[in-house]
Amino acid sequence: MNFRQLHPNIKLRLGIGFVQRMLGIMLMPLMVIHLATLYGAAAAGVLTMVVAAAGIAANFVGGHLADVHGRKPLMVAGEVGATLTFALLALANSPWWQSGAATFVLFLLNTALAGAATPAAEAMMIDVSTPENRQLVYTVNYWSINMAFTAGALIGGFFYGEHFALLLAGAAALSLATALVTWWRIAESAPESAKDRASGVPAMLRGYLAVSRDRVFLRLVGAAILTRAIEVQIGYYIAVRLADDFPEQALAGLERWFPSVDGVAMLGILRAVNTVLVVGFALFAASMFRRLSDRTRLYAGIAVFTAGHMVLAVSNSGWVLIAAAVVFTLGEIANVPVKQAILADLVDPAARTKYLAAYGLVPRVGLLIGSVCVTVGAFLSPVGMSLLYGAFGLGAILVYRSLLPLRASRRTAAEHEPQAAPPAAATPAPVPAQNGATS
């Protein structure tokens, strides 16, 4: 199957997701910087923690609501809310009105609305995809995420300052466009069995309690946390080690452009190598690894990904570090779509957004482990940290090894059950006079 044959919802969601992520990476650091300018670094840190907590809580609430009321209402509400909050943020930071309090409240509301809509958007991608095309979907999504991060970082970096209000106004305009596309063109995809479930706080708590008791899902989360804990090291322990231990040196053959690089510059080069390779090659992952089974691609991908980071933990040679960055990026490109397809195959369709909301904790736990590793690295040698990364990678492979047979058995069972046709794409309709965004 190629991209053109994917369900229209998927193609639209990939485009909308690109815009959302670009706005997020463009504006989130700038909002933190802006709050620090207004209130000081210490207060900004506390305010940012409050915003992050609100986003996590909204993620769980949205996961429940999307299972009960469907995906589309949450997605439309999130986009309309983003439009309004971005527009008001632009006004609150304009020459006509300056309000730090309004900026914080609107930033919090924007983050909460985005968090509430995220599980619904992710679940819709699974709803209308099939086991056969999910790796293609997640490969394109993975490429899109990296492109969005690159574009967002560049735009935010160049236009922050005198153009902050203009950036926020542009974000409002883009959010309005994605809201209209979501309302007019995306079809509802939630299984009817999910909508029959009781609503309300007690039902939500019972639903998440059931998720927390699903041992298969807990194993998925454990494996994902282990790989995430390795991935974040380049921004934590490895960054600190390079800054402290990497000797300033010239890269042989590149002296004309880089007379010498220190640890911080080397970290920037490694990040650039990773981004360029992902953007350049992620879309070709299917053809690059077409002769490999999912099992081989997953195991080898995690192993290579881990090995690259193990080298980053110990080496002080510029070219060896660059080679390790190439190696771990290839491993990342190989294993990420497979891991996401396994998740999609193993979660309960009737409570899909609750599972995805809970799975959303994985990146946050990974960041926590990254912070802990900085402290651990003060007591362990680089070789010890490298071996710790190896243990993380081996643990992830062993957990996935226990999950792949279950995935195969569930796929076999699903093939023998009658399948409902996926929802058709929504047809354009005239805009009604009243606000029907959540209908």
Protein backbone atom coordinates (compact mmCIF):
# COMPACT_ATOMS: atom_id res chain seq x y z
CA MET A 1 0.00 0.00 0.00
CA ASN A 2 1.21 3.53 -0.76
CA PHE A 3 0.37 6.89 0.78
CA ARG A 4 -2.37 7.69 -1.73
CA GLN A 5 -4.33 4.60 -0.70
CA LEU A 6 -4.50 5.57 2.97
CA HIS A 7 -7.83 6.59 4.48
CA PRO A 8 -8.56 10.33 3.98
CA ASN A 9 -8.72 10.83 7.75
CA ILE A 10 -5.11 9.68 8.05
CA LYS A 11 -3.82 12.00 5.35
CA LEU A 12 -5.67 14.97 6.83
CA ARG A 13 -4.51 14.13 10.36
CA LEU A 14 -0.88 13.91 9.24
CA GLY A 15 -1.13 17.42 7.80
CA ILE A 16 -2.96 18.82 10.81
CA GLY A 17 -0.55 17.08 13.18
CA PHE A 18 2.39 18.67 11.36
CA VAL A 19 0.91 22.13 11.92
CA GLN A 20 0.12 21.42 15.59
CA ARG A 21 3.60 20.11 16.38
CA MET A 22 5.26 22.94 14.51
CA LEU A 23 3.29 25.47 16.55
CA GLY A 24 4.05 23.59 19.76
CA ILE A 25 7.82 23.45 19.27
CA MET A 26 7.83 27.02 17.96
CA LEU A 27 5.88 28.56 20.84
CA MET A 28 6.41 26.41 23.95
CA PRO A 29 10.04 27.50 24.59
CA LEU A 30 9.13 31.08 23.71
CA MET A 31 6.27 31.10 26.23
CA VAL A 32 8.62 29.86 28.94
CA ILE A 33 11.18 32.53 28.02
CA HIS A 34 8.45 35.16 28.00
CA LEU A 35 7.20 34.14 31.45
CA ALA A 36 10.77 34.23 32.74
CA THR A 37 11.13 37.76 31.37
CA LEU A 38 7.91 38.82 33.10
CA TYR A 39 8.27 37.06 36.45
CA GLY A 40 11.84 35.75 36.74
CA ALA A 41 13.27 32.30 36.14
CA ALA A 42 12.17 30.77 39.48
CA ALA A 43 8.53 31.85 39.14
CA ALA A 44 8.50 30.85 35.46
CA GLY A 45 9.64 27.36 36.44
CA VAL A 46 6.73 27.00 38.87
CA LEU A 47 4.22 28.37 36.36
CA THR A 48 5.52 26.00 33.69
CA MET A 49 5.09 23.06 36.07
CA VAL A 50 1.48 24.10 36.66
CA VAL A 51 0.89 24.26 32.90
CA ALA A 52 2.49 20.84 32.40
CA ALA A 53 0.34 19.32 35.18
CA ALA A 54 -2.79 20.80 33.61
CA GLY A 55 -1.82 19.26 30.27
CA ILE A 56 -1.38 15.82 31.84
CA ALA A 57 -4.73 16.02 33.68
CA ALA A 58 -6.51 17.19 30.53
CA ASN A 59 -4.92 14.34 28.59
CA PHE A 60 -6.59 11.80 30.87
CA VAL A 61 -9.95 13.59 30.83
CA GLY A 62 -9.82 13.85 27.04
CA GLY A 63 -8.99 10.16 26.75
CA HIS A 64 -12.20 9.28 28.58
CA LEU A 65 -14.41 11.80 26.77
CA ALA A 66 -13.19 10.69 23.34
CA ASP A 67 -14.14 7.09 24.12
CA VAL A 68 -17.63 8.12 25.26
CA HIS A 69 -18.50 10.95 22.86
CA GLY A 70 -16.29 10.18 19.87
CA ARG A 71 -13.03 11.49 18.47
CA LYS A 72 -14.21 14.37 16.32
CA PRO A 73 -15.87 16.54 19.01
CA LEU A 74 -12.70 16.54 21.10
CA MET A 75 -10.52 17.29 18.07
CA VAL A 76 -12.73 20.17 16.91
CA ALA A 77 -12.94 21.58 20.43
CA GLY A 78 -9.17 21.44 20.73
CA GLU A 79 -8.63 23.30 17.45
CA VAL A 80 -11.29 25.93 18.18
CA GLY A 81 -9.83 26.40 21.65
CA ALA A 82 -6.34 26.77 20.19
CA THR A 83 -7.62 29.41 17.76
CA LEU A 84 -9.24 31.47 20.50
CA THR A 85 -6.37 31.18 23.01
CA PHE A 86 -3.70 32.00 20.44
CA ALA A 87 -5.70 35.01 19.25
CA LEU A 88 -6.15 36.26 22.82
CA LEU A 89 -2.48 35.60 23.59
CA ALA A 90 -1.56 37.76 20.61
CA LEU A 91 -3.83 40.49 21.95
CA ALA A 92 -2.42 40.17 25.50
CA ASN A 93 1.09 40.71 24.11
CA SER A 94 0.28 43.42 21.60
CA PRO A 95 1.11 47.14 21.66
CA TRP A 96 -2.50 47.78 22.78
CA TRP A 97 -2.58 45.41 25.78
CA GLN A 98 0.14 43.85 27.91
CA SER A 99 -0.95 41.36 30.60
CA GLY A 100 1.29 38.75 32.20
CA ALA A 101 -1.61 37.20 34.13
CA ALA A 102 -3.71 36.82 30.99
CA THR A 103 -0.70 35.35 29.18
CA PHE A 104 -0.26 32.66 31.83
CA VAL A 105 -3.99 31.76 32.02
CA LEU A 106 -4.32 31.58 28.24
CA PHE A 107 -1.11 29.52 27.95
CA LEU A 108 -2.53 27.09 30.53
CA LEU A 109 -5.87 26.86 28.71
CA ASN A 110 -4.14 26.33 25.37
CA THR A 111 -2.02 23.50 26.79
CA ALA A 112 -5.00 21.86 28.51
CA LEU A 113 -7.15 21.95 25.37
CA ALA A 114 -4.33 20.49 23.30
CA GLY A 115 -3.80 17.77 25.90
CA ALA A 116 -7.49 16.88 25.93
CA ALA A 117 -7.60 16.50 22.13
CA THR A 118 -4.36 14.54 21.71
CA PRO A 119 -5.64 11.03 22.65
CA ALA A 120 -8.60 11.43 20.29
CA ALA A 121 -6.34 12.39 17.39
CA GLU A 122 -3.97 9.49 18.05
CA ALA A 123 -6.83 7.02 18.43
CA MET A 124 -8.38 8.14 15.14
CA MET A 125 -5.14 7.23 13.34
CA ILE A 126 -5.51 3.69 14.68
CA ASP A 127 -9.28 3.53 14.09
CA VAL A 128 -8.98 4.02 10.33
CA SER A 129 -5.68 2.23 9.72
CA THR A 130 -5.12 -1.50 9.37
CA PRO A 131 -2.39 -3.82 10.66
CA GLU A 132 -1.04 -3.94 7.10
CA ASN A 133 -0.58 -0.19 6.65
CA ARG A 134 0.19 0.99 10.19
CA GLN A 135 3.93 0.90 9.75
CA LEU A 136 3.58 3.15 6.70
CA VAL A 137 1.32 5.50 8.66
CA TYR A 138 3.72 5.70 11.60
CA THR A 139 6.74 6.06 9.35
CA VAL A 140 5.21 9.11 7.65
CA ASN A 141 4.08 10.42 11.04
CA TYR A 142 7.59 9.99 12.47
CA TRP A 143 9.07 11.91 9.53
CA SER A 144 6.42 14.61 9.89
CA ILE A 145 7.19 15.05 13.60
CA ASN A 146 10.87 15.66 12.89
CA MET A 147 10.10 18.06 10.03
CA ALA A 148 7.70 19.97 12.28
CA PHE A 149 10.26 20.21 15.06
CA THR A 150 12.89 21.51 12.65
CA ALA A 151 10.58 24.09 11.06
CA GLY A 152 9.12 25.19 14.40
CA ALA A 153 12.51 25.68 16.04
CA LEU A 154 13.80 27.73 13.10
CA ILE A 155 10.73 29.96 12.83
CA GLY A 156 10.50 30.54 16.58
CA GLY A 157 14.18 31.33 16.87
CA PHE A 158 14.16 33.89 14.08
CA PHE A 159 10.92 35.71 14.89
CA TYR A 160 10.89 35.86 18.69
CA GLY A 161 11.31 39.33 20.21
CA GLU A 162 9.61 42.17 18.39
CA HIS A 163 7.52 39.71 16.38
CA PHE A 164 6.17 37.61 19.29
CA ALA A 165 2.59 38.90 18.93
CA LEU A 166 2.79 38.31 15.18
CA LEU A 167 3.85 34.70 15.80
CA LEU A 168 0.86 34.18 18.09
CA ALA A 169 -1.50 35.75 15.55
CA GLY A 170 -0.09 33.45 12.86
CA ALA A 171 -0.62 30.46 15.16
CA ALA A 172 -4.25 31.54 15.62
CA ALA A 173 -4.76 31.72 11.85
CA LEU A 174 -3.23 28.27 11.29
CA SER A 175 -5.32 26.81 14.13
CA LEU A 176 -8.47 28.27 12.57
CA ALA A 177 -7.57 26.59 9.28
CA THR A 178 -7.01 23.20 10.95
CA ALA A 179 -10.26 23.60 12.91
CA LEU A 180 -12.21 24.13 9.68
CA VAL A 181 -10.53 21.16 8.00
CA THR A 182 -11.27 18.95 11.03
CA TRP A 183 -14.91 20.06 11.15
CA TRP A 184 -15.64 19.76 7.44
CA ARG A 185 -13.44 16.96 6.18
CA ILE A 186 -12.69 14.46 8.96
CA ALA A 187 -15.17 11.67 9.66
CA GLU A 188 -15.96 10.24 13.09
CA SER A 189 -14.20 6.94 13.65
CA ALA A 190 -14.88 5.84 17.25
CA PRO A 191 -16.22 2.28 17.66
CA GLU A 192 -19.89 2.28 18.65
CA SER A 193 -19.11 -0.08 21.54
CA ALA A 194 -17.04 2.68 23.16
CA LYS A 195 -19.84 5.24 22.96
CA ASP A 196 -22.19 2.95 24.88
CA ARG A 197 -20.05 3.15 28.00
CA ALA A 198 -21.15 5.26 30.95
CA SER A 199 -19.88 8.79 31.24
CA GLY A 200 -18.97 10.75 34.36
CA VAL A 201 -16.04 10.83 36.75
CA PRO A 202 -16.69 7.41 38.38
CA ALA A 203 -16.80 5.75 34.96
CA MET A 204 -13.60 7.55 33.95
CA LEU A 205 -11.82 6.35 37.08
CA ARG A 206 -13.04 2.80 36.57
CA GLY A 207 -11.83 2.92 32.98
CA TYR A 208 -8.33 4.04 33.91
CA LEU A 209 -8.22 1.51 36.74
CA ALA A 210 -8.92 -1.19 34.16
CA VAL A 211 -6.12 0.18 31.97
CA SER A 212 -3.71 0.10 34.92
CA ARG A 213 -4.55 -3.59 35.47
CA ASP A 214 -3.88 -4.60 31.86
CA ARG A 215 -0.59 -6.48 32.17
CA VAL A 216 0.01 -6.54 28.43
CA PHE A 217 -0.31 -2.76 28.29
CA LEU A 218 1.95 -2.35 31.32
CA ARG A 219 4.62 -4.37 29.53
CA LEU A 220 4.24 -2.14 26.48
CA VAL A 221 4.68 0.92 28.68
CA GLY A 222 7.70 -0.61 30.40
CA ALA A 223 9.45 -1.38 27.11
CA ALA A 224 8.66 2.09 25.75
CA ILE A 225 10.02 3.75 28.90
CA LEU A 226 13.27 1.80 28.60
CA THR A 227 13.85 2.94 25.01
CA ARG A 228 12.74 6.48 25.82
CA ALA A 229 15.19 6.56 28.74
CA ILE A 230 17.99 5.89 26.23
CA GLU A 231 16.70 8.40 23.68
CA VAL A 232 16.63 11.36 26.08
CA GLN A 233 20.22 10.83 27.24
CA ILE A 234 21.61 13.04 24.46
CA GLY A 235 19.88 15.96 26.15
CA TYR A 236 20.88 14.95 29.68
CA TYR A 237 23.90 12.86 30.75
CA ILE A 238 25.56 12.77 27.32
CA ALA A 239 25.16 16.55 26.96
CA VAL A 240 26.72 17.12 30.38
CA ARG A 241 29.57 14.68 29.70
CA LEU A 242 30.44 16.27 26.39
CA ALA A 243 30.37 19.76 27.88
CA ASP A 244 32.69 18.69 30.72
CA ASP A 245 34.95 16.01 29.23
CA PHE A 246 35.11 16.46 25.46
CA PRO A 247 38.49 17.97 24.53
CA GLU A 248 38.37 20.81 22.02
CA GLN A 249 39.56 19.39 18.71
CA ALA A 250 39.48 19.81 14.94
CA LEU A 251 37.48 17.36 12.87
CA ALA A 252 39.88 15.91 10.29
CA GLY A 253 38.89 17.08 6.83
CA LEU A 254 36.52 19.79 8.10
CA GLU A 255 39.07 22.26 9.47
CA ARG A 256 38.02 24.85 6.89
CA TRP A 257 34.45 25.01 8.25
CA PHE A 258 35.10 23.92 11.84
CA PRO A 259 38.59 24.97 12.95
CA SER A 260 37.86 23.39 16.31
CA VAL A 261 34.81 22.16 18.21
CA ASP A 262 34.19 21.90 21.93
CA GLY A 263 31.69 19.62 23.68
CA VAL A 264 28.72 21.94 23.25
CA ALA A 265 29.41 22.40 19.53
CA MET A 266 29.84 18.64 19.19
CA LEU A 267 26.44 18.10 20.78
CA GLY A 268 24.90 20.47 18.22
CA ILE A 269 26.56 18.55 15.37
CA LEU A 270 25.22 15.23 16.71
CA ARG A 271 21.70 16.63 16.95
CA ALA A 272 21.97 18.02 13.42
CA VAL A 273 23.16 14.66 12.07
CA ASN A 274 20.20 12.93 13.72
CA THR A 275 17.67 15.43 12.37
CA VAL A 276 19.06 15.47 8.83
CA LEU A 277 19.13 11.67 8.61
CA VAL A 278 15.61 11.29 9.95
CA VAL A 279 14.20 13.93 7.60
CA GLY A 280 16.17 12.54 4.67
CA PHE A 281 15.63 8.81 5.12
CA ALA A 282 12.61 8.10 7.35
CA LEU A 283 10.18 8.06 4.42
CA PHE A 284 12.30 5.37 2.74
CA ALA A 285 12.33 3.10 5.79
CA ALA A 286 9.88 0.65 4.23
CA SER A 287 12.10 0.09 1.19
CA MET A 288 15.31 0.19 3.24
CA PHE A 289 14.13 -2.56 5.56
CA ARG A 290 11.67 -4.41 3.30
CA ARG A 291 13.55 -7.71 3.55
CA LEU A 292 13.46 -7.70 7.34
CA SER A 293 10.61 -9.12 9.39
CA ASP A 294 9.03 -6.97 12.09
CA ARG A 295 10.79 -9.08 14.71
CA THR A 296 14.23 -8.61 13.16
CA ARG A 297 13.65 -4.95 12.44
CA LEU A 298 12.53 -4.31 16.02
CA TYR A 299 15.29 -6.25 17.77
CA ALA A 300 18.08 -5.06 15.46
CA GLY A 301 16.77 -1.50 15.52
CA ILE A 302 16.75 -1.31 19.32
CA ALA A 303 20.14 -3.02 19.53
CA VAL A 304 21.76 -0.62 17.04
CA PHE A 305 20.01 2.36 18.63
CA THR A 306 21.31 1.32 22.05
CA ALA A 307 24.84 0.63 20.79
CA GLY A 308 25.07 4.11 19.28
CA HIS A 309 24.16 5.73 22.58
CA MET A 310 26.59 3.48 24.44
CA VAL A 311 29.37 4.89 22.25
CA LEU A 312 28.17 8.46 22.88
CA ALA A 313 28.53 7.81 26.60
CA VAL A 314 32.25 6.97 26.41
CA SER A 315 33.95 8.30 23.28
CA ASN A 316 35.81 11.62 22.99
CA SER A 317 36.63 11.30 19.29
CA GLY A 318 34.61 13.64 17.08
CA TRP A 319 34.31 11.33 14.10
CA VAL A 320 33.52 8.30 16.28
CA LEU A 321 30.70 10.27 17.90
CA ILE A 322 29.35 11.30 14.49
CA ALA A 323 29.47 7.67 13.32
CA ALA A 324 27.62 6.65 16.50
CA ALA A 325 24.95 9.29 15.76
CA VAL A 326 24.48 7.82 12.28
CA VAL A 327 24.21 4.33 13.76
CA PHE A 328 21.66 5.17 16.46
CA THR A 329 19.58 7.18 13.99
CA LEU A 330 19.35 4.21 11.62
CA GLY A 331 18.28 2.06 14.57
CA GLU A 332 15.69 4.67 15.51
CA ILE A 333 14.30 4.81 11.97
CA ALA A 334 14.05 1.02 11.93
CA ASN A 335 12.32 0.42 15.26
CA VAL A 336 10.03 3.39 15.94
CA PRO A 337 7.26 2.56 13.40
CA VAL A 338 7.26 -1.09 14.49
CA LYS A 339 6.87 -0.18 18.16
CA GLN A 340 3.97 2.14 17.40
CA ALA A 341 2.26 -0.51 15.25
CA ILE A 342 2.60 -3.03 18.10
CA LEU A 343 0.96 -0.57 20.48
CA ALA A 344 -1.90 -0.01 18.04
CA ASP A 345 -2.44 -3.77 17.65
CA LEU A 346 -2.49 -4.56 21.37
CA VAL A 347 -4.68 -1.90 22.98
CA ASP A 348 -8.41 -2.47 23.50
CA PRO A 349 -10.33 -0.75 20.64
CA ALA A 350 -13.27 0.03 22.95
CA ALA A 351 -11.04 2.07 25.30
CA ARG A 352 -8.40 3.14 22.80
CA THR A 353 -8.11 6.79 23.80
CA LYS A 354 -7.79 5.91 27.49
CA TYR A 355 -4.88 3.62 26.65
CA LEU A 356 -3.24 6.27 24.51
CA ALA A 357 -3.76 8.91 27.20
CA ALA A 358 -2.03 6.64 29.71
CA TYR A 359 0.71 5.86 27.18
CA GLY A 360 1.28 9.60 26.93
CA LEU A 361 3.03 9.42 30.30
CA VAL A 362 5.92 7.53 28.68
CA PRO A 363 7.78 10.63 27.40
CA ARG A 364 7.41 12.34 30.77
CA VAL A 365 8.74 9.33 32.67
CA GLY A 366 11.59 9.14 30.17
CA LEU A 367 12.50 12.77 30.92
CA LEU A 368 12.42 12.00 34.63
CA ILE A 369 14.81 9.09 34.13
CA GLY A 370 17.03 11.36 32.04
CA SER A 371 17.24 13.79 34.94
CA VAL A 372 18.06 10.97 37.36
CA CYS A 373 20.81 9.73 35.04
CA VAL A 374 22.57 13.08 35.28
CA THR A 375 22.84 12.52 39.02
CA VAL A 376 23.80 8.86 38.62
CA GLY A 377 26.47 9.88 36.13
CA ALA A 378 28.16 11.92 38.82
CA PHE A 379 28.94 8.66 40.64
CA LEU A 380 29.28 6.17 37.76
CA SER A 381 32.08 6.24 35.20
CA PRO A 382 31.23 6.78 31.51
CA VAL A 383 31.73 3.04 31.00
CA GLY A 384 29.24 2.36 33.78
CA MET A 385 26.67 4.67 32.17
CA SER A 386 27.27 2.98 28.83
CA LEU A 387 26.58 -0.42 30.39
CA LEU A 388 23.43 1.01 32.00
CA TYR A 389 22.20 2.03 28.54
CA GLY A 390 22.96 -1.48 27.36
CA ALA A 391 20.83 -2.90 30.18
CA PHE A 392 17.95 -0.58 29.19
CA GLY A 393 18.12 -1.75 25.57
CA LEU A 394 18.37 -5.44 26.47
CA GLY A 395 15.43 -5.08 28.83
CA ALA A 396 13.31 -3.48 26.10
CA ILE A 397 14.13 -6.27 23.63
CA LEU A 398 13.21 -8.95 26.18
CA VAL A 399 9.87 -7.29 26.93
CA TYR A 400 8.99 -6.94 23.24
CA ARG A 401 10.04 -10.57 22.77
CA SER A 402 7.27 -11.56 25.18
CA LEU A 403 4.72 -9.36 23.35
CA LEU A 404 5.26 -10.31 19.71
CA PRO A 405 3.66 -13.81 19.99
CA LEU A 406 0.60 -12.22 21.62
CA ARG A 407 0.40 -9.67 18.83
CA ALA A 408 0.54 -12.45 16.24
CA SER A 409 -2.22 -14.43 17.96
CA ARG A 410 -4.48 -11.36 18.19
CA ARG A 411 -3.92 -10.57 14.54
CA THR A 412 -4.85 -14.13 13.62
CA ALA A 413 -7.99 -13.94 15.74
CA ALA A 414 -8.95 -10.60 14.20
CA GLU A 415 -8.59 -12.01 10.68
CA HIS A 416 -11.27 -14.59 11.47
CA GLU A 417 -13.75 -12.05 12.80
CA PRO A 418 -16.04 -9.99 10.55
CA GLN A 419 -14.66 -6.49 10.22
CA ALA A 420 -16.72 -3.35 9.86
CA ALA A 421 -15.72 -1.08 7.01
CA PRO A 422 -13.76 1.97 8.09
CA PRO A 423 -15.70 5.22 8.16
CA ALA A 424 -15.85 7.11 4.91
CA ALA A 425 -14.39 10.55 4.58
CA ALA A 426 -16.73 13.33 5.57
CA THR A 427 -18.22 15.23 2.69
CA PRO A 428 -18.05 19.00 2.65
CA ALA A 429 -21.16 20.65 4.01
CA PRO A 430 -22.31 24.23 4.24
CA VAL A 431 -21.42 25.91 7.50
CA PRO A 432 -24.58 25.99 9.67
CA ALA A 433 -25.69 29.23 11.19
CA GLN A 434 -25.10 27.99 14.76
CA ASN A 435 -21.87 26.64 16.15
CA GLY A 436 -21.98 22.93 15.36
CA ALA A 437 -18.33 22.16 15.99
CA THR A 438 -19.06 19.60 18.65
CA SER A 439 -22.06 17.94 17.07
